[in-house]
C-alpha atoms as a PDB file:
ATOM      1  CA  MET A   1       0.000   0.000   0.000  1.00  0.00           C
ATOM      2  CA  ASP A   2       1.257   3.450  -0.944  1.00  0.00           C
ATOM      3  CA  PRO A   3       2.077   5.213   2.384  1.00  0.00           C
ATOM      4  CA  ASP A   4       0.529   8.449   1.067  1.00  0.00           C
ATOM      5  CA  ARG A   5      -2.722   6.872  -0.117  1.00  0.00           C
ATOM      6  CA  THR A   6      -5.946   6.249   1.765  1.00  0.00           C
ATOM      7  CA  ARG A   7      -8.449   3.972   0.048  1.00  0.00           C
ATOM      8  CA  ILE A   8     -12.126   4.140   0.989  1.00  0.00           C
ATOM      9  CA  TYR A   9     -14.589   1.396   0.138  1.00  0.00           C
ATOM     10  CA  LEU A  10     -17.746   3.508   0.178  1.00  0.00           C
ATOM     11  CA  ALA A  11     -20.974   1.488   0.259  1.00  0.00           C
ATOM     12  CA  ARG A  12     -24.643   2.317   0.340  1.00  0.00           C
ATOM     13  CA  HIS A  13     -26.791   0.448   2.856  1.00  0.00           C
ATOM     14  CA  GLY A  14     -29.021  -2.430   1.714  1.00  0.00           C
ATOM     15  CA  GLU A  15     -32.647  -2.201   0.641  1.00  0.00           C
ATOM     16  CA  VAL A  16     -34.878  -0.695   3.323  1.00  0.00           C
ATOM     17  CA  VAL A  17     -38.254  -1.936   4.551  1.00  0.00           C
ATOM     18  CA  ASN A  18     -40.169   1.037   3.133  1.00  0.00           C
ATOM     19  CA  HIS A  19     -38.119   1.766   0.029  1.00  0.00           C
ATOM     20  CA  GLY A  20     -39.596   4.247  -2.421  1.00  0.00           C
ATOM     21  CA  VAL A  21     -40.102   6.983   0.164  1.00  0.00           C
ATOM     22  CA  TYR A  22     -37.835   9.782   1.374  1.00  0.00           C
ATOM     23  CA  ASN A  23     -36.632   8.246   4.649  1.00  0.00           C
ATOM     24  CA  GLY A  24     -33.926  10.794   5.329  1.00  0.00           C
ATOM     25  CA  GLN A  25     -33.029  10.619   9.013  1.00  0.00           C
ATOM     26  CA  THR A  26     -35.966   8.378   9.952  1.00  0.00           C
ATOM     27  CA  ASP A  27     -34.377   5.275  11.470  1.00  0.00           C
ATOM     28  CA  VAL A  28     -35.659   2.381   9.339  1.00  0.00           C
ATOM     29  CA  ASP A  29     -34.438  -1.208   9.077  1.00  0.00           C
ATOM     30  CA  ILE A  30     -33.169  -3.184   6.080  1.00  0.00           C
ATOM     31  CA  THR A  31     -35.038  -6.071   4.450  1.00  0.00           C
ATOM     32  CA  PRO A  32     -33.797  -9.670   4.090  1.00  0.00           C
ATOM     33  CA  ALA A  33     -32.820  -8.712   0.513  1.00  0.00           C
ATOM     34  CA  GLY A  34     -30.905  -5.753   1.960  1.00  0.00           C
ATOM     35  CA  GLN A  35     -29.072  -8.107   4.315  1.00  0.00           C
ATOM     36  CA  LYS A  36     -28.069 -10.300   1.343  1.00  0.00           C
ATOM     37  CA  GLN A  37     -26.779  -7.220  -0.496  1.00  0.00           C
ATOM     38  CA  MET A  38     -24.529  -6.414   2.449  1.00  0.00           C
ATOM     39  CA  GLU A  39     -23.374 -10.032   2.711  1.00  0.00           C
ATOM     40  CA  ARG A  40     -22.336  -9.822  -0.947  1.00  0.00           C
ATOM     41  CA  LEU A  41     -20.255  -6.745  -0.085  1.00  0.00           C
ATOM     42  CA  ARG A  42     -18.789  -8.568   2.916  1.00  0.00           C
ATOM     43  CA  ASP A  43     -17.626 -11.341   0.572  1.00  0.00           C
ATOM     44  CA  LEU A  44     -16.130  -8.813  -1.867  1.00  0.00           C
ATOM     45  CA  LEU A  45     -14.206  -7.061   0.908  1.00  0.00           C
ATOM     46  CA  GLN A  46     -13.245  -9.983   3.150  1.00  0.00           C
ATOM     47  CA  ASP A  47      -9.723 -10.250   1.667  1.00  0.00           C
ATOM     48  CA  LYS A  48      -9.066  -6.496   1.936  1.00  0.00           C
ATOM     49  CA  ASN A  49      -6.856  -5.195   4.719  1.00  0.00           C
ATOM     50  CA  LEU A  50      -9.470  -2.976   6.351  1.00  0.00           C
ATOM     51  CA  SER A  51      -8.191  -0.906   9.256  1.00  0.00           C
ATOM     52  CA  ALA A  52     -11.688   0.267  10.266  1.00  0.00           C
ATOM     53  CA  VAL A  53     -15.346   0.243   9.302  1.00  0.00           C
ATOM     54  CA  TYR A  54     -17.433   3.393   9.720  1.00  0.00           C
ATOM     55  CA  CYS A  55     -21.101   4.232   9.152  1.00  0.00           C
ATOM     56  CA  SER A  56     -23.787   6.690  10.154  1.00  0.00           C
ATOM     57  CA  ASP A  57     -25.592   6.281  13.462  1.00  0.00           C
ATOM     58  CA  LEU A  58     -28.750   5.049  11.695  1.00  0.00           C
ATOM     59  CA  ARG A  59     -29.718   1.377  11.875  1.00  0.00           C
ATOM     60  CA  ARG A  60     -29.708   0.725   8.121  1.00  0.00           C
ATOM     61  CA  THR A  61     -26.013   1.573   7.805  1.00  0.00           C
ATOM     62  CA  GLN A  62     -25.032   0.079  11.166  1.00  0.00           C
ATOM     63  CA  LYS A  63     -26.409  -3.344  10.194  1.00  0.00           C
ATOM     64  CA  GLY A  64     -24.481  -3.313   6.921  1.00  0.00           C
ATOM     65  CA  ALA A  65     -21.314  -2.103   8.622  1.00  0.00           C
ATOM     66  CA  GLU A  66     -21.537  -4.910  11.191  1.00  0.00           C
ATOM     67  CA  ILE A  67     -21.833  -7.504   8.406  1.00  0.00           C
ATOM     68  CA  ILE A  68     -18.791  -6.093   6.555  1.00  0.00           C
ATOM     69  CA  ALA A  69     -16.721  -5.677   9.735  1.00  0.00           C
ATOM     70  CA  LYS A  70     -17.222  -9.168  11.167  1.00  0.00           C
ATOM     71  CA  PRO A  71     -14.627 -11.121   9.083  1.00  0.00           C
ATOM     72  CA  HIS A  72     -12.031  -8.470  10.000  1.00  0.00           C
ATOM     73  CA  GLY A  73     -12.674  -8.657  13.742  1.00  0.00           C
ATOM     74  CA  LEU A  74     -13.674  -4.985  13.717  1.00  0.00           C
ATOM     75  CA  VAL A  75     -16.453  -3.126  15.513  1.00  0.00           C
ATOM     76  CA  PRO A  76     -17.986  -0.386  13.331  1.00  0.00           C
ATOM     77  CA  GLN A  77     -18.024   3.196  14.548  1.00  0.00           C
ATOM     78  CA  GLY A  78     -21.106   5.268  13.780  1.00  0.00           C
ATOM     79  CA  PHE A  79     -21.073   9.046  13.373  1.00  0.00           C
ATOM     80  CA  SER A  80     -24.055  11.383  13.086  1.00  0.00           C
ATOM     81  CA  HIS A  81     -21.992  13.387  10.546  1.00  0.00           C
ATOM     82  CA  PHE A  82     -22.681  10.583   8.034  1.00  0.00           C
ATOM     83  CA  ARG A  83     -26.465  10.552   8.374  1.00  0.00           C
ATOM     84  CA  GLU A  84     -28.640  10.733   5.286  1.00  0.00           C
ATOM     85  CA  MET A  85     -29.910  14.112   4.153  1.00  0.00           C
ATOM     86  CA  HIS A  86     -32.723  15.402   6.353  1.00  0.00           C
ATOM     87  CA  PHE A  87     -35.647  15.573   3.940  1.00  0.00           C
ATOM     88  CA  GLY A  88     -37.715  17.747   6.263  1.00  0.00           C
ATOM     89  CA  ARG A  89     -41.389  17.744   5.359  1.00  0.00           C
ATOM     90  CA  TRP A  90     -40.768  15.154   2.623  1.00  0.00           C
ATOM     91  CA  GLN A  91     -39.767  12.439   5.094  1.00  0.00           C
ATOM     92  CA  GLY A  92     -42.135   9.462   4.920  1.00  0.00           C
ATOM     93  CA  LEU A  93     -43.546  10.549   1.546  1.00  0.00           C
ATOM     94  CA  ASN A  94     -42.775   9.183  -1.917  1.00  0.00           C
ATOM     95  CA  TYR A  95     -42.151  11.365  -4.974  1.00  0.00           C
ATOM     96  CA  GLN A  96     -45.844  11.439  -5.916  1.00  0.00           C
ATOM     97  CA  GLY A  97     -46.826  12.319  -2.351  1.00  0.00           C
ATOM     98  CA  VAL A  98     -44.401  15.256  -2.287  1.00  0.00           C
ATOM     99  CA  MET A  99     -45.687  16.496  -5.662  1.00  0.00           C
ATOM    100  CA  GLU A 100     -49.278  16.327  -4.412  1.00  0.00           C
ATOM    101  CA  LYS A 101     -48.674  18.031  -1.045  1.00  0.00           C
ATOM    102  CA  TYR A 102     -45.836  20.427  -1.955  1.00  0.00           C
ATOM    103  CA  PRO A 103     -45.867  20.801  -5.776  1.00  0.00           C
ATOM    104  CA  ALA A 104     -43.336  23.656  -5.824  1.00  0.00           C
ATOM    105  CA  ASP A 105     -40.672  21.884  -3.733  1.00  0.00           C
ATOM    106  CA  ILE A 106     -39.162  19.336  -6.117  1.00  0.00           C
ATOM    107  CA  PRO A 107     -38.870  21.699  -9.120  1.00  0.00           C
ATOM    108  CA  GLN A 108     -37.107  24.232  -6.861  1.00  0.00           C
ATOM    109  CA  TRP A 109     -34.813  21.503  -5.512  1.00  0.00           C
ATOM    110  CA  ILE A 110     -33.926  20.184  -8.989  1.00  0.00           C
ATOM    111  CA  ASN A 111     -33.200  23.716 -10.247  1.00  0.00           C
ATOM    112  CA  ASN A 112     -30.985  24.566  -7.283  1.00  0.00           C
ATOM    113  CA  LEU A 113     -29.686  21.280  -5.867  1.00  0.00           C
ATOM    114  CA  GLU A 114     -26.809  22.791  -3.944  1.00  0.00           C
ATOM    115  CA  THR A 115     -28.525  25.395  -1.815  1.00  0.00           C
ATOM    116  CA  PHE A 116     -32.283  24.731  -1.848  1.00  0.00           C
ATOM    117  CA  ARG A 117     -33.145  23.730   1.706  1.00  0.00           C
ATOM    118  CA  ILE A 118     -36.178  21.483   1.955  1.00  0.00           C
ATOM    119  CA  PRO A 119     -38.516  23.102   4.507  1.00  0.00           C
ATOM    120  CA  ALA A 120     -37.655  21.738   7.993  1.00  0.00           C
ATOM    121  CA  GLY A 121     -34.766  19.827   6.378  1.00  0.00           C
ATOM    122  CA  GLU A 122     -31.355  20.256   4.776  1.00  0.00           C
ATOM    123  CA  SER A 123     -29.749  21.351   1.529  1.00  0.00           C
ATOM    124  CA  ILE A 124     -27.016  19.466  -0.305  1.00  0.00           C
ATOM    125  CA  ARG A 125     -24.572  22.133   0.897  1.00  0.00           C
ATOM    126  CA  ASP A 126     -25.655  21.413   4.494  1.00  0.00           C
ATOM    127  CA  ILE A 127     -24.810  17.698   4.038  1.00  0.00           C
ATOM    128  CA  HIS A 128     -21.435  18.619   2.556  1.00  0.00           C
ATOM    129  CA  ASP A 129     -20.594  20.952   5.421  1.00  0.00           C
ATOM    130  CA  ARG A 130     -21.359  18.386   8.140  1.00  0.00           C
ATOM    131  CA  ALA A 131     -19.921  15.269   6.474  1.00  0.00           C
ATOM    132  CA  ILE A 132     -16.889  16.226   4.383  1.00  0.00           C
ATOM    133  CA  PRO A 133     -14.772  17.662   7.254  1.00  0.00           C
ATOM    134  CA  LYS A 134     -15.294  14.399   9.196  1.00  0.00           C
ATOM    135  CA  LEU A 135     -14.427  12.362   6.113  1.00  0.00           C
ATOM    136  CA  LYS A 136     -11.201  14.351   5.601  1.00  0.00           C
ATOM    137  CA  GLU A 137     -10.300  13.769   9.246  1.00  0.00           C
ATOM    138  CA  LEU A 138     -10.669   9.993   8.764  1.00  0.00           C
ATOM    139  CA  VAL A 139      -8.710  10.072   5.490  1.00  0.00           C
ATOM    140  CA  GLU A 140      -5.811  11.754   7.292  1.00  0.00           C
ATOM    141  CA  PHE A 141      -6.028   9.420  10.282  1.00  0.00           C
ATOM    142  CA  HIS A 142      -5.868   6.363   7.993  1.00  0.00           C
ATOM    143  CA  ARG A 143      -3.130   7.618   5.641  1.00  0.00           C
ATOM    144  CA  GLY A 144      -1.464   4.557   4.097  1.00  0.00           C
ATOM    145  CA  GLN A 145      -4.452   2.357   5.016  1.00  0.00           C
ATOM    146  CA  GLU A 146      -7.883   1.428   3.700  1.00  0.00           C
ATOM    147  CA  PHE A 147     -11.264   1.444   5.396  1.00  0.00           C
ATOM    148  CA  ALA A 148     -14.935   0.871   4.638  1.00  0.00           C
ATOM    149  CA  LEU A 149     -17.659   3.477   5.040  1.00  0.00           C
ATOM    150  CA  VAL A 150     -21.342   2.482   4.822  1.00  0.00           C
ATOM    151  CA  CYS A 151     -23.554   5.490   4.146  1.00  0.00           C
ATOM    152  CA  HIS A 152     -26.627   6.714   2.282  1.00  0.00           C
ATOM    153  CA  GLY A 153     -27.668   7.597  -1.264  1.00  0.00           C
ATOM    154  CA  ALA A 154     -27.564  11.394  -1.083  1.00  0.00           C
ATOM    155  CA  LEU A 155     -24.461  11.513   1.113  1.00  0.00           C
ATOM    156  CA  ASN A 156     -22.559   9.069  -1.105  1.00  0.00           C
ATOM    157  CA  ARG A 157     -23.330  11.282  -4.099  1.00  0.00           C
ATOM    158  CA  VAL A 158     -21.938  14.285  -2.218  1.00  0.00           C
ATOM    159  CA  ILE A 159     -18.742  12.371  -1.340  1.00  0.00           C
ATOM    160  CA  LEU A 160     -18.308  11.223  -4.956  1.00  0.00           C
ATOM    161  CA  ALA A 161     -19.036  14.678  -6.375  1.00  0.00           C
ATOM    162  CA  GLU A 162     -16.473  16.199  -4.008  1.00  0.00           C
ATOM    163  CA  ALA A 163     -13.892  13.594  -5.078  1.00  0.00           C
ATOM    164  CA  LEU A 164     -14.624  14.222  -8.779  1.00  0.00           C
ATOM    165  CA  HIS A 165     -14.750  18.039  -8.404  1.00  0.00           C
ATOM    166  CA  LEU A 166     -18.236  17.783  -9.877  1.00  0.00           C
ATOM    167  CA  SER A 167     -20.718  20.599  -9.394  1.00  0.00           C
ATOM    168  CA  PHE A 168     -23.547  19.652  -7.050  1.00  0.00           C
ATOM    169  CA  ALA A 169     -25.917  20.770  -9.814  1.00  0.00           C
ATOM    170  CA  HIS A 170     -25.084  17.420 -11.476  1.00  0.00           C
ATOM    171  CA  LEU A 171     -25.444  15.274  -8.354  1.00  0.00           C
ATOM    172  CA  LEU A 172     -28.403  13.264  -9.632  1.00  0.00           C
ATOM    173  CA  ARG A 173     -26.306  12.022 -12.579  1.00  0.00           C
ATOM    174  CA  ILE A 174     -24.576   9.696 -10.102  1.00  0.00           C
ATOM    175  CA  GLU A 175     -26.517   6.502  -9.370  1.00  0.00           C
ATOM    176  CA  GLN A 176     -26.288   4.805  -5.973  1.00  0.00           C
ATOM    177  CA  ASP A 177     -28.174   1.514  -5.823  1.00  0.00           C
ATOM    178  CA  TYR A 178     -28.866  -0.326  -2.574  1.00  0.00           C
ATOM    179  CA  GLY A 179     -25.776  -2.280  -1.522  1.00  0.00           C
ATOM    180  CA  CYS A 180     -23.527  -0.684  -4.150  1.00  0.00           C
ATOM    181  CA  LEU A 181     -19.770  -0.196  -3.789  1.00  0.00           C
ATOM    182  CA  ASN A 182     -17.615   2.805  -4.697  1.00  0.00           C
ATOM    183  CA  ILE A 183     -13.824   2.943  -4.353  1.00  0.00           C
ATOM    184  CA  ILE A 184     -11.961   6.222  -3.847  1.00  0.00           C
ATOM    185  CA  ASP A 185      -8.223   6.758  -3.407  1.00  0.00           C
ATOM    186  CA  TYR A 186      -7.078   9.898  -1.600  1.00  0.00           C
ATOM    187  CA  THR A 187      -3.516  11.249  -1.599  1.00  0.00           C
ATOM    188  CA  PRO A 188      -2.308  14.659  -0.383  1.00  0.00           C
ATOM    189  CA  SER A 189      -2.238  15.916  -3.996  1.00  0.00           C
ATOM    190  CA  SER A 190      -5.086  14.093  -5.750  1.00  0.00           C
ATOM    191  CA  THR A 191      -8.256  12.039  -5.522  1.00  0.00           C
ATOM    192  CA  VAL A 192      -8.986   9.154  -7.896  1.00  0.00           C
ATOM    193  CA  VAL A 193     -12.377   7.462  -8.109  1.00  0.00           C
ATOM    194  CA  LYS A 194     -11.755   3.824  -9.035  1.00  0.00           C
ATOM    195  CA  LEU A 195     -15.347   2.553  -9.026  1.00  0.00           C
ATOM    196  CA  ILE A 196     -18.842   4.057  -8.920  1.00  0.00           C
ATOM    197  CA  ASN A 197     -22.051   2.152  -8.118  1.00  0.00           C
ATOM    198  CA  GLY A 198     -20.358  -1.235  -8.475  1.00  0.00           C
END
């Protein structure tokens, strides 16, 4: 391993019990299919030399992190910094429900992804400002090592966009399926994304 490089295996949690709605920071569980998705990731990563496994403090990422960590003898650490976007008044609704109750919200959000703050919730910039400093701290702490991070759809997109120097206006061009894997290498002078939505 390059002593200047930190490699992150960035995963999205498995399928959730009420998929299709904006869960945000509502603490929902994963389904049996979601468990299998995380077991597949465990098998993919079991031969990697993981120094740590991190996640948000929400159950859907914690369960996946525990599955990935077990073969390595690691106990995952959860941080509130890595929670999903707070969808405010959208939480618990699906796309159609939001369009029916708050028809102006989604068009405003799409047209200004970075700074539009969902009423009673967060903007993409808010997620960036709470999560990226913590991520950079972990990257520095694990210089010369690799670790896994199990997070959420919107947050993973923010992390990938930051790594790619991609404007947040294009965030929805990045897909993040349940149980997907991304690989990012960080060095003091560059960031290389090796895999997206694998």
